[in-house]
Amino acid sequence: MRKFISWRNLVRKRHIRYDWGIFRSRKKTFMVVIFTIMLYIAYRTTNFQSSQTKVFPSSYIGLKGLPYGIIEDKSDFELKPIWSTNNSKLKANGSSSHNLLAMPVGLKQKQNVNTIVQKFLQENFTVILFHYDGKLDGWWDLKWSRKAVHIIADNQTKWWFAKRFLHPAAVSLYDYVFLWDEDLEVQHFNPKRYLKIVKEEGLEISQPALDSKSTDIHHRITARRKRLKFHRVYDPKSSVNCSKASKGPPCTGFVEGMAPVFSRAAWHCAWHLIQNDLVHGWGMDMKLGYCAQGSRNVGIVDCEYVLHQGKQTLGGPSANKTSNEVSLAKSRRVVDTRIEIRRQSTSELEIFKQRWEKAVKEDKDWIDPFFSRKQMHK
């Protein structure tokens, strides 16, 4: 009897274990299904929320009073028709210029400027002229003059104009900005071929090489090398200020302020480097390489070169007087503007250097890329 009861208990226990196993198996399946459903619901909820939440760029800060879709944060200097014509409609549908030529000009350099502008207009550049002598009326006889943008401010420099009228947002639709002086001869320069080289070599900041006949080649790195297409570093045979160990401007990663060319990204940086009150820009050329993500992205294009005439017309010509004229000038307290401009430029150079040193000292997170390369080469 006991054996029978034991056998029944054993069968019952096995049956209970079997039922419990089935229950546990079903419970796992149920939990997996519930977990899957919860994941699906969470995914749909998150996806819905993300589709409802827009990620606004930093430019939208301060503009939240406007619906986002109406905001146009890019601009250019293309002239727009104020009434519709067949020609304007065709132009609107066609491709517009993507490069900008900006120059400070005076009427005394009119013919030279005319030669430069015509070359650039052939390649569909937009042209903006900064008139530092206030004499705009003398330009209207040129056929292209009404296609250009003209800005007048008496006795102001190129960098003064650039800081106020070439804000990165205002020129954001241009691929390259040419910020040139007016006293350049372009007989051996073609804008289209020049940009082709710049793009192929990845030059963010560049300039055409200077003809050896140019006036005042201040740094030999900018002089033309006849057998090269372009170069990034100095010619060791032409400068006593540079050596093979030299890293950084003006031995490498350098362009001069007379004819710089900036990519869109480089100009966004360079505009912020221009000081509001230091209008002559002395010393800034030594720092432009920092706006090109390294000296390798800065170069001089040799096969497309210009001649720098070195004509200084801003502020008037230098005073070349006889002894009697000098005595008369002293009695009338006449100012030699060229001497005063040079004195002001030198003073601004020192101020700029001090500001740079102060900024570097205060910004603990900033790392000098040129200094880092010097350390690597030791």
Protein backbone atom coordinates (compact mmCIF):
# COMPACT_ATOMS: atom_id res chain seq x y z
CA MET A 1 0.00 0.00 0.00
CA ARG A 2 2.83 2.35 0.88
CA LYS A 3 4.56 1.49 -2.36
CA PHE A 4 1.38 2.34 -4.30
CA ILE A 5 1.02 5.67 -2.51
CA SER A 6 4.65 6.48 -3.15
CA TRP A 7 4.20 5.69 -6.83
CA ARG A 8 1.10 7.95 -7.02
CA ASN A 9 2.97 10.73 -5.24
CA LEU A 10 5.87 10.36 -7.61
CA VAL A 11 3.58 10.56 -10.64
CA ARG A 12 1.82 13.56 -9.15
CA LYS A 13 5.13 15.33 -8.47
CA ARG A 14 6.29 14.66 -12.01
CA HIS A 15 2.99 16.01 -13.33
CA ILE A 16 3.34 19.16 -11.20
CA ARG A 17 6.91 19.65 -12.41
CA TYR A 18 5.76 19.15 -15.97
CA ASP A 19 2.96 21.71 -15.57
CA TRP A 20 5.34 24.18 -13.89
CA GLY A 21 7.80 23.80 -16.77
CA ILE A 22 5.05 24.55 -19.27
CA PHE A 23 3.99 27.56 -17.21
CA ARG A 24 7.53 28.89 -17.03
CA SER A 25 7.98 28.42 -20.78
CA ARG A 26 4.73 30.21 -21.52
CA LYS A 27 5.66 32.94 -19.06
CA LYS A 28 8.96 33.56 -20.90
CA THR A 29 7.17 33.72 -24.23
CA PHE A 30 4.62 36.13 -22.78
CA MET A 31 7.34 38.36 -21.32
CA VAL A 32 9.20 38.42 -24.64
CA VAL A 33 6.03 39.48 -26.44
CA ILE A 34 5.29 42.20 -23.86
CA PHE A 35 8.88 43.47 -24.03
CA THR A 36 8.76 43.59 -27.83
CA ILE A 37 5.52 45.54 -27.75
CA MET A 38 6.98 48.00 -25.25
CA LEU A 39 10.07 48.52 -27.40
CA TYR A 40 7.89 49.14 -30.45
CA ILE A 41 5.78 51.67 -28.56
CA ALA A 42 8.88 53.44 -27.23
CA TYR A 43 10.39 53.56 -30.73
CA ARG A 44 7.24 55.02 -32.28
CA THR A 45 6.94 57.57 -29.50
CA THR A 46 10.57 58.66 -29.84
CA ASN A 47 10.32 58.79 -33.62
CA PHE A 48 7.17 60.89 -33.40
CA GLN A 49 8.77 63.30 -30.94
CA SER A 50 11.92 63.66 -33.06
CA SER A 51 9.81 64.34 -36.14
CA GLN A 52 7.98 67.04 -34.22
CA THR A 53 11.18 68.59 -32.77
CA LYS A 54 13.33 70.59 -35.23
CA VAL A 55 17.06 70.98 -34.65
CA PHE A 56 17.68 74.65 -35.32
CA PRO A 57 21.11 75.99 -36.31
CA SER A 58 22.87 78.54 -34.12
CA SER A 59 21.87 81.30 -36.55
CA TYR A 60 18.25 80.82 -35.42
CA ILE A 61 19.08 82.07 -31.91
CA GLY A 62 17.42 85.43 -31.44
CA LEU A 63 15.09 84.86 -34.41
CA LYS A 64 12.46 82.74 -32.64
CA GLY A 65 9.87 85.41 -33.31
CA LEU A 66 9.91 84.23 -36.93
CA PRO A 67 8.72 80.91 -38.38
CA TYR A 68 11.87 78.96 -39.20
CA GLY A 69 11.04 78.33 -42.85
CA ILE A 70 10.91 82.04 -43.69
CA ILE A 71 14.49 82.74 -42.57
CA GLU A 72 17.02 83.44 -45.35
CA ASP A 73 20.45 83.56 -43.72
CA LYS A 74 22.59 83.74 -46.86
CA SER A 75 23.23 86.62 -49.20
CA ASP A 76 25.30 87.95 -52.09
CA PHE A 77 25.85 91.16 -54.06
CA GLU A 78 23.94 90.15 -57.17
CA LEU A 79 21.87 93.02 -58.54
CA LYS A 80 18.16 92.16 -58.64
CA PRO A 81 15.60 93.62 -61.10
CA ILE A 82 12.89 95.77 -59.51
CA TRP A 83 10.41 94.84 -62.22
CA SER A 84 9.98 91.72 -64.31
CA THR A 85 11.18 91.54 -67.88
CA ASN A 86 11.87 88.64 -70.20
CA ASN A 87 15.62 89.16 -69.80
CA SER A 88 15.46 89.29 -66.00
CA LYS A 89 13.41 86.08 -65.88
CA LEU A 90 15.99 84.30 -68.02
CA LYS A 91 18.81 85.56 -65.83
CA ALA A 92 16.99 84.49 -62.68
CA ASN A 93 16.64 80.94 -64.00
CA GLY A 94 20.25 80.73 -65.15
CA SER A 95 23.35 80.15 -63.07
CA SER A 96 24.71 83.22 -61.28
CA SER A 97 28.24 84.20 -60.39
CA HIS A 98 29.85 82.30 -57.52
CA ASN A 99 32.99 84.40 -57.06
CA LEU A 100 33.54 87.97 -55.93
CA LEU A 101 36.11 90.64 -56.79
CA ALA A 102 36.29 93.46 -54.24
CA MET A 103 38.67 96.40 -54.73
CA PRO A 104 39.32 99.80 -53.17
CA VAL A 105 39.60 102.26 -56.06
CA GLY A 106 40.38 105.87 -56.85
CA LEU A 107 39.78 107.75 -60.06
CA LYS A 108 43.53 108.08 -60.69
CA GLN A 109 43.74 104.31 -61.21
CA LYS A 110 40.63 104.14 -63.40
CA GLN A 111 42.27 102.68 -66.51
CA ASN A 112 44.11 99.99 -64.58
CA VAL A 113 40.96 99.06 -62.66
CA ASN A 114 39.05 98.90 -65.94
CA THR A 115 41.56 96.36 -67.29
CA ILE A 116 41.33 94.22 -64.15
CA VAL A 117 37.53 94.27 -63.93
CA GLN A 118 37.02 93.34 -67.58
CA LYS A 119 39.11 90.20 -67.12
CA PHE A 120 37.04 89.13 -64.13
CA LEU A 121 33.70 89.93 -65.73
CA GLN A 122 34.58 87.58 -68.58
CA GLU A 123 34.50 84.79 -65.99
CA ASN A 124 31.16 85.95 -64.56
CA PHE A 125 32.51 87.45 -61.33
CA THR A 126 30.49 89.83 -59.22
CA VAL A 127 32.36 93.14 -58.76
CA ILE A 128 32.17 95.51 -55.81
CA LEU A 129 34.22 98.73 -55.81
CA PHE A 130 35.08 100.69 -52.68
CA HIS A 131 35.58 104.34 -53.66
CA TYR A 132 37.95 105.90 -51.15
CA ASP A 133 38.17 109.25 -52.99
CA GLY A 134 34.41 109.85 -53.27
CA LYS A 135 34.60 110.39 -57.06
CA LEU A 136 31.95 108.01 -58.29
CA ASP A 137 30.64 110.09 -61.20
CA GLY A 138 33.87 109.59 -63.14
CA TRP A 139 33.16 105.85 -63.55
CA TRP A 140 29.79 105.87 -65.28
CA ASP A 141 31.27 106.06 -68.79
CA LEU A 142 32.57 102.49 -68.43
CA LYS A 143 30.07 100.00 -69.86
CA TRP A 144 30.34 97.58 -66.95
CA SER A 145 30.09 100.23 -64.24
CA ARG A 146 26.33 99.91 -63.72
CA LYS A 147 26.72 96.16 -63.29
CA ALA A 148 29.05 96.65 -60.34
CA VAL A 149 28.23 97.54 -56.76
CA HIS A 150 29.69 100.89 -55.65
CA ILE A 151 30.31 101.97 -52.06
CA ILE A 152 31.69 105.39 -51.16
CA ALA A 153 33.53 106.37 -47.97
CA ASP A 154 36.09 109.13 -48.05
CA ASN A 155 39.72 108.17 -47.26
CA GLN A 156 39.00 104.69 -45.93
CA THR A 157 41.21 101.63 -46.42
CA LYS A 158 40.54 98.25 -47.97
CA TRP A 159 40.27 96.55 -44.58
CA TRP A 160 37.87 99.21 -43.28
CA PHE A 161 35.56 98.54 -46.23
CA ALA A 162 35.95 94.75 -45.95
CA LYS A 163 35.06 94.67 -42.26
CA ARG A 164 31.86 96.64 -42.81
CA PHE A 165 30.60 95.42 -46.16
CA LEU A 166 31.97 91.89 -46.66
CA HIS A 167 30.46 90.20 -43.62
CA PRO A 168 30.58 86.39 -44.08
CA ALA A 169 26.78 86.24 -44.17
CA ALA A 170 26.69 88.88 -46.92
CA VAL A 171 29.11 86.94 -49.15
CA SER A 172 28.12 83.42 -48.13
CA LEU A 173 27.04 82.41 -51.63
CA TYR A 174 30.46 83.05 -53.16
CA ASP A 175 33.02 80.26 -53.42
CA TYR A 176 35.99 82.64 -53.48
CA VAL A 177 36.56 86.26 -52.49
CA PHE A 178 39.33 88.22 -54.27
CA LEU A 179 40.23 91.21 -52.08
CA TRP A 180 42.71 93.04 -54.31
CA ASP A 181 44.49 96.37 -54.49
CA GLU A 182 43.94 98.57 -57.53
CA ASP A 183 47.59 98.84 -58.63
CA LEU A 184 48.03 95.35 -60.10
CA GLU A 185 48.77 94.58 -63.75
CA VAL A 186 46.98 91.43 -64.94
CA GLN A 187 48.53 90.86 -68.36
CA HIS A 188 49.67 87.35 -67.33
CA PHE A 189 46.68 86.50 -65.15
CA ASN A 190 43.53 84.54 -65.98
CA PRO A 191 40.92 84.16 -63.17
CA LYS A 192 39.50 80.90 -64.53
CA ARG A 193 42.86 79.15 -64.80
CA TYR A 194 43.86 80.54 -61.41
CA LEU A 195 40.81 79.10 -59.65
CA LYS A 196 41.31 75.76 -61.37
CA ILE A 197 44.75 75.47 -59.76
CA VAL A 198 43.51 76.67 -56.37
CA LYS A 199 40.77 74.04 -56.32
CA GLU A 200 43.04 71.24 -57.51
CA GLU A 201 45.64 71.98 -54.84
CA GLY A 202 43.15 72.69 -52.05
CA LEU A 203 44.42 76.21 -51.33
CA GLU A 204 42.08 77.93 -48.86
CA ILE A 205 44.09 81.17 -48.97
CA SER A 206 46.27 82.09 -51.93
CA GLN A 207 47.60 84.87 -54.12
CA PRO A 208 49.05 85.15 -57.61
CA ALA A 209 52.84 85.31 -57.63
CA LEU A 210 54.47 88.71 -58.13
CA ASP A 211 56.41 89.43 -61.29
CA SER A 212 60.08 90.02 -60.54
CA LYS A 213 59.67 93.52 -61.99
CA SER A 214 57.15 94.41 -59.29
CA THR A 215 57.73 97.33 -56.96
CA ASP A 216 58.40 96.49 -53.31
CA ILE A 217 58.40 92.69 -53.03
CA HIS A 218 58.53 92.71 -49.24
CA HIS A 219 58.75 88.94 -48.74
CA ARG A 220 60.50 86.79 -51.31
CA ILE A 221 58.05 83.92 -50.84
CA THR A 222 55.58 85.91 -52.98
CA ALA A 223 58.03 86.26 -55.91
CA ARG A 224 57.27 84.18 -58.99
CA ARG A 225 59.17 80.95 -59.65
CA LYS A 226 59.12 80.47 -63.38
CA ARG A 227 59.30 76.67 -63.50
CA LEU A 228 56.57 75.99 -60.93
CA LYS A 229 52.80 75.91 -61.09
CA PHE A 230 52.53 77.00 -57.47
CA HIS A 231 54.54 76.89 -54.25
CA ARG A 232 53.88 76.91 -50.51
CA VAL A 233 57.30 77.64 -49.04
CA TYR A 234 60.06 80.16 -49.60
CA ASP A 235 62.89 79.88 -52.10
CA PRO A 236 66.01 79.31 -49.95
CA LYS A 237 68.15 81.09 -52.53
CA SER A 238 66.12 84.29 -52.42
CA SER A 239 65.77 85.12 -48.74
CA VAL A 240 68.22 85.56 -45.90
CA ASN A 241 65.39 85.63 -43.35
CA CYS A 242 64.31 82.02 -43.88
CA SER A 243 66.07 78.70 -43.56
CA LYS A 244 65.16 75.07 -44.14
CA ALA A 245 64.13 74.85 -40.49
CA SER A 246 61.72 77.79 -40.76
CA LYS A 247 58.06 76.97 -40.13
CA GLY A 248 55.29 79.50 -40.41
CA PRO A 249 54.90 82.99 -41.92
CA PRO A 250 56.50 84.60 -43.84
CA CYS A 251 58.57 81.57 -44.81
CA THR A 252 55.59 79.26 -45.32
CA GLY A 253 51.82 79.59 -45.01
CA PHE A 254 51.98 83.24 -46.08
CA VAL A 255 50.34 85.61 -48.56
CA GLU A 256 50.67 89.38 -48.65
CA GLY A 257 47.79 91.82 -48.19
CA MET A 258 47.86 93.28 -51.71
CA ALA A 259 46.17 90.42 -53.61
CA PRO A 260 44.77 87.73 -51.26
CA VAL A 261 42.17 85.20 -52.39
CA PHE A 262 39.99 83.49 -49.79
CA SER A 263 37.76 80.45 -49.94
CA ARG A 264 34.35 80.83 -48.30
CA ALA A 265 35.50 79.09 -45.12
CA ALA A 266 38.79 81.01 -44.95
CA TRP A 267 37.05 84.36 -45.38
CA HIS A 268 34.64 83.51 -42.55
CA CYS A 269 37.71 83.25 -40.32
CA ALA A 270 39.67 86.16 -41.81
CA TRP A 271 36.76 88.58 -41.41
CA HIS A 272 36.84 87.96 -37.67
CA LEU A 273 40.60 88.51 -37.64
CA ILE A 274 40.21 92.02 -39.11
CA GLN A 275 40.18 94.54 -36.27
CA ASN A 276 37.44 97.15 -36.32
CA ASP A 277 39.76 100.06 -35.47
CA LEU A 278 43.09 98.96 -36.99
CA VAL A 279 42.29 99.97 -40.55
CA HIS A 280 45.67 99.48 -42.27
CA GLY A 281 45.83 95.77 -41.52
CA TRP A 282 49.57 95.67 -40.82
CA GLY A 283 50.58 92.40 -39.17
CA MET A 284 47.40 90.61 -40.14
CA ASP A 285 49.06 88.90 -43.14
CA MET A 286 51.33 87.06 -40.71
CA LYS A 287 48.26 85.47 -39.09
CA LEU A 288 46.13 84.63 -42.13
CA GLY A 289 47.58 81.11 -42.22
CA TYR A 290 45.62 80.32 -39.07
CA CYS A 291 42.43 80.75 -41.14
CA ALA A 292 43.42 78.01 -43.60
CA GLN A 293 43.60 75.04 -41.23
CA GLY A 294 47.34 74.79 -41.65
CA SER A 295 50.09 76.25 -43.80
CA ARG A 296 49.70 73.48 -46.38
CA ASN A 297 46.43 75.11 -47.47
CA VAL A 298 48.14 78.45 -48.20
CA GLY A 299 50.03 78.97 -51.44
CA ILE A 300 51.40 81.24 -54.16
CA VAL A 301 50.27 80.49 -57.74
CA ASP A 302 53.25 80.97 -60.08
CA CYS A 303 51.84 80.30 -63.52
CA GLU A 304 49.15 82.99 -63.05
CA TYR A 305 51.02 86.04 -61.86
CA VAL A 306 50.59 89.81 -61.55
CA LEU A 307 52.84 92.85 -61.45
CA HIS A 308 52.54 95.12 -58.43
CA GLN A 309 52.95 98.76 -59.45
CA GLY A 310 53.28 100.05 -55.91
CA LYS A 311 51.26 103.24 -56.56
CA GLN A 312 50.08 104.74 -53.29
CA THR A 313 47.08 106.99 -53.91
CA LEU A 314 45.04 106.71 -50.70
CA GLY A 315 45.47 109.95 -48.79
CA GLY A 316 47.28 111.66 -51.67
CA PRO A 317 50.84 111.45 -53.04
CA SER A 318 53.93 111.82 -50.94
CA ALA A 319 55.29 115.34 -50.68
CA ASN A 320 58.38 115.86 -52.87
CA LYS A 321 59.15 119.51 -52.22
CA THR A 322 62.00 121.93 -52.82
CA SER A 323 63.62 123.68 -49.85
CA ASN A 324 61.48 126.79 -50.40
CA GLU A 325 58.33 124.66 -50.56
CA VAL A 326 59.33 122.86 -47.37
CA SER A 327 59.75 126.18 -45.54
CA LEU A 328 56.38 127.33 -46.86
CA ALA A 329 54.78 124.04 -45.82
CA LYS A 330 56.18 124.39 -42.30
CA SER A 331 54.84 127.91 -41.97
CA ARG A 332 51.41 126.71 -43.09
CA ARG A 333 51.71 123.46 -41.11
CA VAL A 334 51.04 121.31 -44.18
CA VAL A 335 50.89 117.57 -43.35
CA ASP A 336 52.69 114.99 -45.50
CA THR A 337 49.93 112.38 -45.63
CA ARG A 338 52.17 109.50 -46.73
CA ILE A 339 54.47 109.95 -43.73
CA GLU A 340 51.50 110.14 -41.38
CA ILE A 341 49.89 107.05 -42.91
CA ARG A 342 53.09 105.07 -42.49
CA ARG A 343 53.41 106.26 -38.89
CA GLN A 344 49.82 105.19 -38.21
CA SER A 345 50.38 101.81 -39.88
CA THR A 346 53.46 101.14 -37.75
CA SER A 347 51.57 102.04 -34.60
CA GLU A 348 48.70 99.71 -35.57
CA LEU A 349 51.17 96.89 -36.19
CA GLU A 350 52.38 97.09 -32.60
CA ILE A 351 48.84 97.22 -31.25
CA PHE A 352 47.86 94.18 -33.30
CA LYS A 353 50.86 92.22 -32.03
CA GLN A 354 49.95 93.08 -28.44
CA ARG A 355 46.34 92.02 -28.95
CA TRP A 356 47.41 88.71 -30.46
CA GLU A 357 49.80 87.96 -27.62
CA LYS A 358 47.16 88.88 -25.04
CA ALA A 359 44.52 86.70 -26.73
CA VAL A 360 46.89 83.71 -26.91
CA LYS A 361 47.81 84.11 -23.25
CA GLU A 362 44.20 84.32 -22.08
CA ASP A 363 42.84 81.44 -24.19
CA LYS A 364 44.18 78.40 -22.32
CA ASP A 365 42.49 75.94 -24.70
CA TRP A 366 44.01 77.35 -27.89
CA ILE A 367 46.88 75.39 -29.47
CA ASP A 368 49.20 77.07 -31.96
CA PRO A 369 49.38 74.72 -35.00
CA PHE A 370 52.62 76.29 -36.24
CA PHE A 371 54.27 75.85 -32.85
CA SER A 372 53.10 72.23 -32.75
CA ARG A 373 54.77 71.56 -36.09
CA LYS A 374 57.98 73.16 -34.85
CA GLN A 375 58.01 70.78 -31.90
CA MET A 376 57.42 67.78 -34.18
CA HIS A 377 60.39 68.72 -36.39
CA LYS A 378 62.84 69.02 -33.52
